[in-house]
N, C-alpha and C. Protein backbone atom coordinates (compact mmCIF):
# COMPACT_ATOMS: atom_id res chain seq x y z
N MET A 1 94.65 115.46 109.85
CA MET A 1 93.78 114.67 109.02
C MET A 1 94.57 113.50 108.46
N LEU A 2 93.89 112.36 108.39
CA LEU A 2 94.48 111.14 107.85
C LEU A 2 93.57 110.62 106.74
N ILE A 3 94.14 110.28 105.60
CA ILE A 3 93.39 109.66 104.51
C ILE A 3 93.91 108.24 104.38
N ARG A 4 92.97 107.27 104.44
CA ARG A 4 93.36 105.87 104.43
C ARG A 4 92.27 105.02 103.79
N THR A 5 92.60 103.78 103.53
CA THR A 5 91.63 102.82 103.02
C THR A 5 90.62 102.49 104.12
N GLU A 6 89.36 102.39 103.75
CA GLU A 6 88.35 102.05 104.76
C GLU A 6 88.57 100.64 105.30
N ILE A 7 88.17 100.45 106.55
CA ILE A 7 88.18 99.13 107.18
C ILE A 7 86.77 98.85 107.70
N GLY A 8 86.52 97.61 108.07
CA GLY A 8 85.17 97.19 108.46
C GLY A 8 84.50 98.05 109.51
N ILE A 9 85.26 98.48 110.51
CA ILE A 9 84.64 99.27 111.58
C ILE A 9 84.27 100.68 111.14
N ASP A 10 84.65 101.09 109.94
CA ASP A 10 84.30 102.41 109.42
C ASP A 10 82.87 102.48 108.89
N ALA A 11 82.25 101.33 108.61
CA ALA A 11 80.94 101.31 107.94
C ALA A 11 79.89 102.18 108.62
N PRO A 12 79.70 102.12 109.95
CA PRO A 12 78.69 102.98 110.57
C PRO A 12 78.98 104.48 110.39
N GLY A 13 80.24 104.86 110.49
CA GLY A 13 80.61 106.26 110.29
C GLY A 13 80.41 106.71 108.86
N ILE A 14 80.69 105.83 107.91
CA ILE A 14 80.47 106.14 106.50
C ILE A 14 78.98 106.31 106.24
N ASP A 15 78.16 105.41 106.78
CA ASP A 15 76.70 105.53 106.65
C ASP A 15 76.22 106.87 107.18
N ARG A 16 76.67 107.22 108.38
CA ARG A 16 76.27 108.48 109.02
C ARG A 16 76.66 109.68 108.15
N LEU A 17 77.89 109.67 107.66
CA LEU A 17 78.38 110.76 106.82
C LEU A 17 77.53 110.90 105.56
N LEU A 18 77.25 109.78 104.88
CA LEU A 18 76.48 109.83 103.64
C LEU A 18 75.05 110.31 103.89
N LYS A 19 74.43 109.87 104.98
CA LYS A 19 73.08 110.32 105.32
C LYS A 19 73.07 111.83 105.57
N ASN A 20 74.07 112.32 106.30
CA ASN A 20 74.14 113.76 106.60
C ASN A 20 74.39 114.58 105.34
N CYS A 21 75.26 114.10 104.47
CA CYS A 21 75.61 114.85 103.26
C CYS A 21 74.49 114.86 102.22
N PHE A 22 73.82 113.72 102.05
CA PHE A 22 72.82 113.60 100.99
C PHE A 22 71.39 113.76 101.50
N GLY A 23 71.20 113.78 102.82
CA GLY A 23 69.88 114.03 103.39
C GLY A 23 68.90 112.87 103.27
N SER A 24 69.40 111.70 102.89
CA SER A 24 68.52 110.53 102.81
C SER A 24 69.36 109.27 103.00
N GLU A 25 68.68 108.15 103.05
CA GLU A 25 69.32 106.85 103.23
C GLU A 25 69.85 106.28 101.92
N GLN A 26 69.44 106.84 100.79
CA GLN A 26 69.67 106.25 99.48
C GLN A 26 71.15 106.00 99.16
N GLU A 27 72.00 106.99 99.31
CA GLU A 27 73.43 106.82 98.99
C GLU A 27 74.10 105.83 99.95
N ALA A 28 73.77 105.92 101.23
CA ALA A 28 74.35 104.99 102.21
C ALA A 28 73.95 103.55 101.87
N GLU A 29 72.70 103.36 101.48
CA GLU A 29 72.23 102.02 101.10
C GLU A 29 72.94 101.52 99.85
N ARG A 30 73.16 102.40 98.89
CA ARG A 30 73.86 102.01 97.66
C ARG A 30 75.28 101.54 97.98
N VAL A 31 75.98 102.28 98.82
CA VAL A 31 77.35 101.91 99.19
C VAL A 31 77.35 100.60 99.98
N ARG A 32 76.39 100.42 100.89
CA ARG A 32 76.29 99.16 101.64
C ARG A 32 76.10 97.98 100.69
N GLN A 33 75.22 98.14 99.70
CA GLN A 33 74.97 97.07 98.74
C GLN A 33 76.22 96.74 97.93
N LEU A 34 76.92 97.77 97.46
CA LEU A 34 78.16 97.54 96.71
C LEU A 34 79.17 96.78 97.56
N ARG A 35 79.30 97.19 98.82
CA ARG A 35 80.24 96.55 99.73
C ARG A 35 79.86 95.09 99.96
N GLU A 36 78.58 94.83 100.24
CA GLU A 36 78.11 93.46 100.51
C GLU A 36 78.26 92.55 99.30
N GLN A 37 78.10 93.10 98.09
CA GLN A 37 78.19 92.31 96.86
C GLN A 37 79.63 92.18 96.35
N GLY A 38 80.57 92.77 97.08
CA GLY A 38 81.97 92.70 96.68
C GLY A 38 82.28 93.55 95.46
N LEU A 39 81.46 94.56 95.20
CA LEU A 39 81.63 95.41 94.02
C LEU A 39 82.30 96.74 94.33
N LEU A 40 82.72 96.93 95.56
CA LEU A 40 83.43 98.15 95.94
C LEU A 40 84.92 97.89 95.71
N THR A 41 85.47 98.48 94.66
CA THR A 41 86.88 98.27 94.33
C THR A 41 87.79 98.89 95.38
N LEU A 42 87.41 100.08 95.85
CA LEU A 42 88.22 100.80 96.83
C LEU A 42 87.34 101.78 97.56
N GLY A 43 87.53 101.89 98.86
CA GLY A 43 86.87 102.90 99.67
C GLY A 43 87.93 103.62 100.48
N MET A 44 87.92 104.95 100.43
CA MET A 44 88.89 105.76 101.16
C MET A 44 88.14 106.67 102.13
N VAL A 45 88.67 106.81 103.34
CA VAL A 45 88.09 107.72 104.31
C VAL A 45 89.10 108.78 104.71
N ALA A 46 88.59 109.95 105.03
CA ALA A 46 89.39 111.02 105.63
C ALA A 46 88.91 111.15 107.07
N THR A 47 89.83 111.07 108.03
CA THR A 47 89.45 111.14 109.44
C THR A 47 90.18 112.28 110.14
N ASP A 48 89.56 112.77 111.21
CA ASP A 48 90.25 113.76 112.03
C ASP A 48 91.16 113.03 113.02
N ASP A 49 91.79 113.77 113.92
CA ASP A 49 92.74 113.19 114.86
C ASP A 49 92.10 112.20 115.84
N GLU A 50 90.78 112.32 116.04
CA GLU A 50 90.07 111.40 116.93
C GLU A 50 89.50 110.19 116.19
N GLY A 51 89.68 110.14 114.87
CA GLY A 51 89.19 109.02 114.09
C GLY A 51 87.81 109.20 113.50
N GLN A 52 87.19 110.38 113.73
CA GLN A 52 85.86 110.64 113.16
C GLN A 52 85.98 110.80 111.65
N ILE A 53 85.08 110.17 110.92
CA ILE A 53 85.12 110.22 109.46
C ILE A 53 84.56 111.55 108.97
N LEU A 54 85.39 112.26 108.21
CA LEU A 54 85.02 113.58 107.69
C LEU A 54 84.75 113.55 106.19
N GLY A 55 85.27 112.55 105.50
CA GLY A 55 85.09 112.45 104.05
C GLY A 55 85.18 111.01 103.61
N TYR A 56 84.62 110.74 102.43
CA TYR A 56 84.60 109.37 101.92
C TYR A 56 84.59 109.39 100.40
N ALA A 57 85.35 108.48 99.81
CA ALA A 57 85.33 108.28 98.35
C ALA A 57 85.24 106.78 98.10
N ALA A 58 84.31 106.40 97.22
CA ALA A 58 84.12 104.99 96.87
C ALA A 58 84.36 104.81 95.39
N PHE A 59 84.97 103.70 95.05
CA PHE A 59 85.26 103.38 93.65
C PHE A 59 84.68 102.00 93.34
N SER A 60 83.94 101.92 92.24
CA SER A 60 83.38 100.63 91.81
C SER A 60 83.44 100.56 90.29
N PRO A 61 83.46 99.35 89.74
CA PRO A 61 83.54 99.20 88.28
C PRO A 61 82.31 99.78 87.59
N VAL A 62 82.54 100.33 86.41
CA VAL A 62 81.46 100.88 85.59
C VAL A 62 81.68 100.38 84.17
N THR A 63 80.61 99.99 83.51
CA THR A 63 80.68 99.58 82.12
C THR A 63 79.96 100.61 81.27
N LEU A 64 80.64 101.13 80.26
CA LEU A 64 80.05 102.11 79.36
C LEU A 64 79.86 101.47 77.99
N ALA A 65 78.73 101.72 77.42
CA ALA A 65 78.45 101.22 76.07
C ALA A 65 78.46 102.40 75.11
N GLY A 66 78.91 102.16 73.92
CA GLY A 66 78.83 103.25 72.98
C GLY A 66 79.86 103.25 71.99
């Protein structure tokens, strides 16, 4: 297993993983929007030896009031 920063060609695999894990398009769409708007601070993927994406973590800024 390899854990690394996501690169552009990972996007379809990340979409597929999120759809399979969450059972809908909603999370994949949210991540796509964050990526397109430049609001994804960091994206990390875990891949197997063949490069298939097995895990994903996304980081984006959050503002808390209170």
